Amino acid sequence: MRLKNKTLTGVVQPLSYVDKMLRQQGFQRSGGDSMPTYDVVIYDSASSSTYFLRIPTNFSSQDTGKGEQTVKLGHPYLEAEFMMSIETEEFFFIPKSVREAAEHKLAEIADYLSSPSASV
């Protein structure tokens, strides 16, 4: 499920700053040396289900003036840990409480990342 967050999507910052900030927020980086993707687990105790909030990035050509690699944040999305067969549609539904938790997390990250990285 793609999440809409206009303040986060499209933000360009140095990779080191994005990496540090997202790791401080509990995200783990994947993707190796290629385009990094950041994931955090959201556990819903009401349904005993696990979800992943994922923020993809793309390398950007924007120059920091310091020779650092920059990344542009893509559209975040939320997905269930596993998908069951089509017969059990309840597993395809992401509860409102989980969506709201993900949106709050994204808003917090957007606040941090929308400010100039030089202030960090």
C-alpha atoms as a PDB file:
ATOM      1  CA  MET A   1       0.000   0.000   0.000  1.00  0.00           C
ATOM      2  CA  ARG A   2       1.546   3.250  -1.144  1.00  0.00           C
ATOM      3  CA  LEU A   3       1.365   6.050   1.421  1.00  0.00           C
ATOM      4  CA  LYS A   4       0.980   9.691   0.511  1.00  0.00           C
ATOM      5  CA  ASN A   5       3.430  12.008   2.216  1.00  0.00           C
ATOM      6  CA  LYS A   6       4.121  15.105   0.165  1.00  0.00           C
ATOM      7  CA  THR A   7       6.583  16.540   2.682  1.00  0.00           C
ATOM      8  CA  LEU A   8       8.852  13.477   2.587  1.00  0.00           C
ATOM      9  CA  THR A   9       8.614  12.223  -0.988  1.00  0.00           C
ATOM     10  CA  GLY A  10      11.134  13.981  -3.204  1.00  0.00           C
ATOM     11  CA  VAL A  11      13.330  15.293  -0.381  1.00  0.00           C
ATOM     12  CA  VAL A  12      16.994  15.336  -1.394  1.00  0.00           C
ATOM     13  CA  GLN A  13      19.640  15.132   1.320  1.00  0.00           C
ATOM     14  CA  PRO A  14      23.135  13.684   1.733  1.00  0.00           C
ATOM     15  CA  LEU A  15      23.046   9.910   2.057  1.00  0.00           C
ATOM     16  CA  SER A  16      24.992  10.045   5.323  1.00  0.00           C
ATOM     17  CA  TYR A  17      22.378  12.359   6.857  1.00  0.00           C
ATOM     18  CA  VAL A  18      19.411  10.280   5.630  1.00  0.00           C
ATOM     19  CA  ASP A  19      21.078   7.075   6.786  1.00  0.00           C
ATOM     20  CA  LYS A  20      21.839   8.443  10.256  1.00  0.00           C
ATOM     21  CA  MET A  21      18.375   9.939  10.739  1.00  0.00           C
ATOM     22  CA  LEU A  22      16.458   6.863   9.579  1.00  0.00           C
ATOM     23  CA  ARG A  23      18.602   4.495  11.652  1.00  0.00           C
ATOM     24  CA  GLN A  24      17.940   6.665  14.707  1.00  0.00           C
ATOM     25  CA  GLN A  25      14.228   6.189  13.980  1.00  0.00           C
ATOM     26  CA  GLY A  26      14.584   2.390  13.989  1.00  0.00           C
ATOM     27  CA  PHE A  27      14.898   1.774  10.245  1.00  0.00           C
ATOM     28  CA  GLN A  28      17.276  -0.766   8.771  1.00  0.00           C
ATOM     29  CA  ARG A  29      19.012  -0.226   5.460  1.00  0.00           C
ATOM     30  CA  SER A  30      18.960  -2.744   2.648  1.00  0.00           C
ATOM     31  CA  GLY A  31      20.166  -2.564  -0.912  1.00  0.00           C
ATOM     32  CA  GLY A  32      23.911  -2.686  -0.294  1.00  0.00           C
ATOM     33  CA  ASP A  33      25.847  -0.312  -2.530  1.00  0.00           C
ATOM     34  CA  SER A  34      22.930   0.105  -4.899  1.00  0.00           C
ATOM     35  CA  MET A  35      19.981   2.360  -4.166  1.00  0.00           C
ATOM     36  CA  PRO A  36      19.307   2.051  -0.439  1.00  0.00           C
ATOM     37  CA  THR A  37      15.883   1.148   0.885  1.00  0.00           C
ATOM     38  CA  TYR A  38      14.943   1.666   4.519  1.00  0.00           C
ATOM     39  CA  ASP A  39      12.511  -0.583   6.416  1.00  0.00           C
ATOM     40  CA  VAL A  40      11.010  -0.507   9.875  1.00  0.00           C
ATOM     41  CA  VAL A  41       8.760  -3.145  11.409  1.00  0.00           C
ATOM     42  CA  ILE A  42       5.367  -2.149  12.785  1.00  0.00           C
ATOM     43  CA  TYR A  43       3.753  -4.798  14.949  1.00  0.00           C
ATOM     44  CA  ASP A  44      -0.013  -4.696  15.471  1.00  0.00           C
ATOM     45  CA  SER A  45      -0.787  -6.416  18.756  1.00  0.00           C
ATOM     46  CA  ALA A  46      -4.552  -6.348  18.108  1.00  0.00           C
ATOM     47  CA  SER A  47      -4.202  -8.647  15.111  1.00  0.00           C
ATOM     48  CA  SER A  48      -0.800 -10.153  15.997  1.00  0.00           C
ATOM     49  CA  SER A  49       0.385  -9.107  12.538  1.00  0.00           C
ATOM     50  CA  THR A  50       3.641  -7.593  11.398  1.00  0.00           C
ATOM     51  CA  TYR A  51       3.931  -4.865   8.764  1.00  0.00           C
ATOM     52  CA  PHE A  52       6.854  -3.177   7.072  1.00  0.00           C
ATOM     53  CA  LEU A  53       7.080   0.545   6.456  1.00  0.00           C
ATOM     54  CA  ARG A  54       9.493   0.994   3.548  1.00  0.00           C
ATOM     55  CA  ILE A  55      11.131   4.160   2.219  1.00  0.00           C
ATOM     56  CA  PRO A  56      12.930   3.712  -1.106  1.00  0.00           C
ATOM     57  CA  THR A  57      15.611   6.127  -2.278  1.00  0.00           C
ATOM     58  CA  ASN A  58      17.320   6.963  -5.563  1.00  0.00           C
ATOM     59  CA  PHE A  59      20.756   8.429  -5.958  1.00  0.00           C
ATOM     60  CA  SER A  60      20.578  12.090  -6.895  1.00  0.00           C
ATOM     61  CA  SER A  61      22.958  14.190  -8.950  1.00  0.00           C
ATOM     62  CA  GLN A  62      22.405  17.196  -6.679  1.00  0.00           C
ATOM     63  CA  ASP A  63      25.725  18.444  -5.327  1.00  0.00           C
ATOM     64  CA  THR A  64      26.194  19.100  -1.610  1.00  0.00           C
ATOM     65  CA  GLY A  65      29.335  21.115  -2.208  1.00  0.00           C
ATOM     66  CA  LYS A  66      31.159  18.691   0.063  1.00  0.00           C
ATOM     67  CA  GLY A  67      31.510  15.799  -2.360  1.00  0.00           C
ATOM     68  CA  GLU A  68      28.867  13.718  -0.566  1.00  0.00           C
ATOM     69  CA  GLN A  69      26.473  11.372  -2.345  1.00  0.00           C
ATOM     70  CA  THR A  70      22.877  12.612  -2.161  1.00  0.00           C
ATOM     71  CA  VAL A  71      19.658  10.611  -2.305  1.00  0.00           C
ATOM     72  CA  LYS A  72      16.100  11.493  -3.211  1.00  0.00           C
ATOM     73  CA  LEU A  73      13.399   9.842  -1.120  1.00  0.00           C
ATOM     74  CA  GLY A  74      10.715   7.948  -2.997  1.00  0.00           C
ATOM     75  CA  HIS A  75       7.102   7.163  -2.164  1.00  0.00           C
ATOM     76  CA  PRO A  76       6.901   5.264   1.150  1.00  0.00           C
ATOM     77  CA  TYR A  77       4.728   2.199   1.329  1.00  0.00           C
ATOM     78  CA  LEU A  78       3.341  -0.189   3.886  1.00  0.00           C
ATOM     79  CA  GLU A  79       3.042  -3.919   3.385  1.00  0.00           C
ATOM     80  CA  ALA A  80       2.114  -6.982   5.383  1.00  0.00           C
ATOM     81  CA  GLU A  81       4.862  -9.382   6.384  1.00  0.00           C
ATOM     82  CA  PHE A  82       3.183 -12.078   4.339  1.00  0.00           C
ATOM     83  CA  MET A  83       0.275 -12.288   1.965  1.00  0.00           C
ATOM     84  CA  MET A  84      -2.222 -15.093   2.246  1.00  0.00           C
ATOM     85  CA  SER A  85      -4.282 -16.505  -0.599  1.00  0.00           C
ATOM     86  CA  ILE A  86      -7.005 -14.424  -2.221  1.00  0.00           C
ATOM     87  CA  GLU A  87      -9.602 -16.406  -0.290  1.00  0.00           C
ATOM     88  CA  THR A  88      -8.569 -14.710   2.972  1.00  0.00           C
ATOM     89  CA  GLU A  89      -9.034 -11.050   2.097  1.00  0.00           C
ATOM     90  CA  GLU A  90      -8.616  -9.939   5.717  1.00  0.00           C
ATOM     91  CA  PHE A  91      -4.849 -10.368   5.354  1.00  0.00           C
ATOM     92  CA  PHE A  92      -4.804  -7.823   2.516  1.00  0.00           C
ATOM     93  CA  PHE A  93      -6.455  -5.168   4.676  1.00  0.00           C
ATOM     94  CA  ILE A  94      -4.056  -3.003   6.666  1.00  0.00           C
ATOM     95  CA  PRO A  95      -5.797  -1.767   9.830  1.00  0.00           C
ATOM     96  CA  LYS A  96      -6.397   1.953  10.200  1.00  0.00           C
ATOM     97  CA  SER A  97      -4.335   2.030  13.405  1.00  0.00           C
ATOM     98  CA  VAL A  98      -1.314   0.616  11.561  1.00  0.00           C
ATOM     99  CA  ARG A  99      -1.732   3.087   8.678  1.00  0.00           C
ATOM    100  CA  GLU A 100      -1.971   5.957  11.158  1.00  0.00           C
ATOM    101  CA  ALA A 101       1.130   4.784  13.044  1.00  0.00           C
ATOM    102  CA  ALA A 102       3.033   4.663   9.748  1.00  0.00           C
ATOM    103  CA  GLU A 103       1.802   8.118   8.739  1.00  0.00           C
ATOM    104  CA  HIS A 104       2.862   9.588  12.114  1.00  0.00           C
ATOM    105  CA  LYS A 105       6.295   8.011  11.733  1.00  0.00           C
ATOM    106  CA  LEU A 106       6.627   9.486   8.247  1.00  0.00           C
ATOM    107  CA  ALA A 107       5.550  12.942   9.443  1.00  0.00           C
ATOM    108  CA  GLU A 108       8.199  12.843  12.165  1.00  0.00           C
ATOM    109  CA  ILE A 109      10.882  11.798   9.682  1.00  0.00           C
ATOM    110  CA  ALA A 110       9.760  14.487   7.228  1.00  0.00           C
ATOM    111  CA  ASP A 111      10.233  17.123   9.948  1.00  0.00           C
ATOM    112  CA  TYR A 112      13.810  15.990  10.486  1.00  0.00           C
ATOM    113  CA  LEU A 113      14.734  15.538   6.837  1.00  0.00           C
ATOM    114  CA  SER A 114      13.096  18.665   5.446  1.00  0.00           C
ATOM    115  CA  SER A 115      15.413  20.873   7.511  1.00  0.00           C
ATOM    116  CA  PRO A 116      18.837  21.678   6.054  1.00  0.00           C
ATOM    117  CA  SER A 117      21.337  18.945   6.815  1.00  0.00           C
ATOM    118  CA  ALA A 118      23.959  21.529   7.671  1.00  0.00           C
ATOM    119  CA  SER A 119      22.150  22.130  10.969  1.00  0.00           C
ATOM    120  CA  VAL A 120      22.900  18.585  12.127  1.00  0.00           C
END
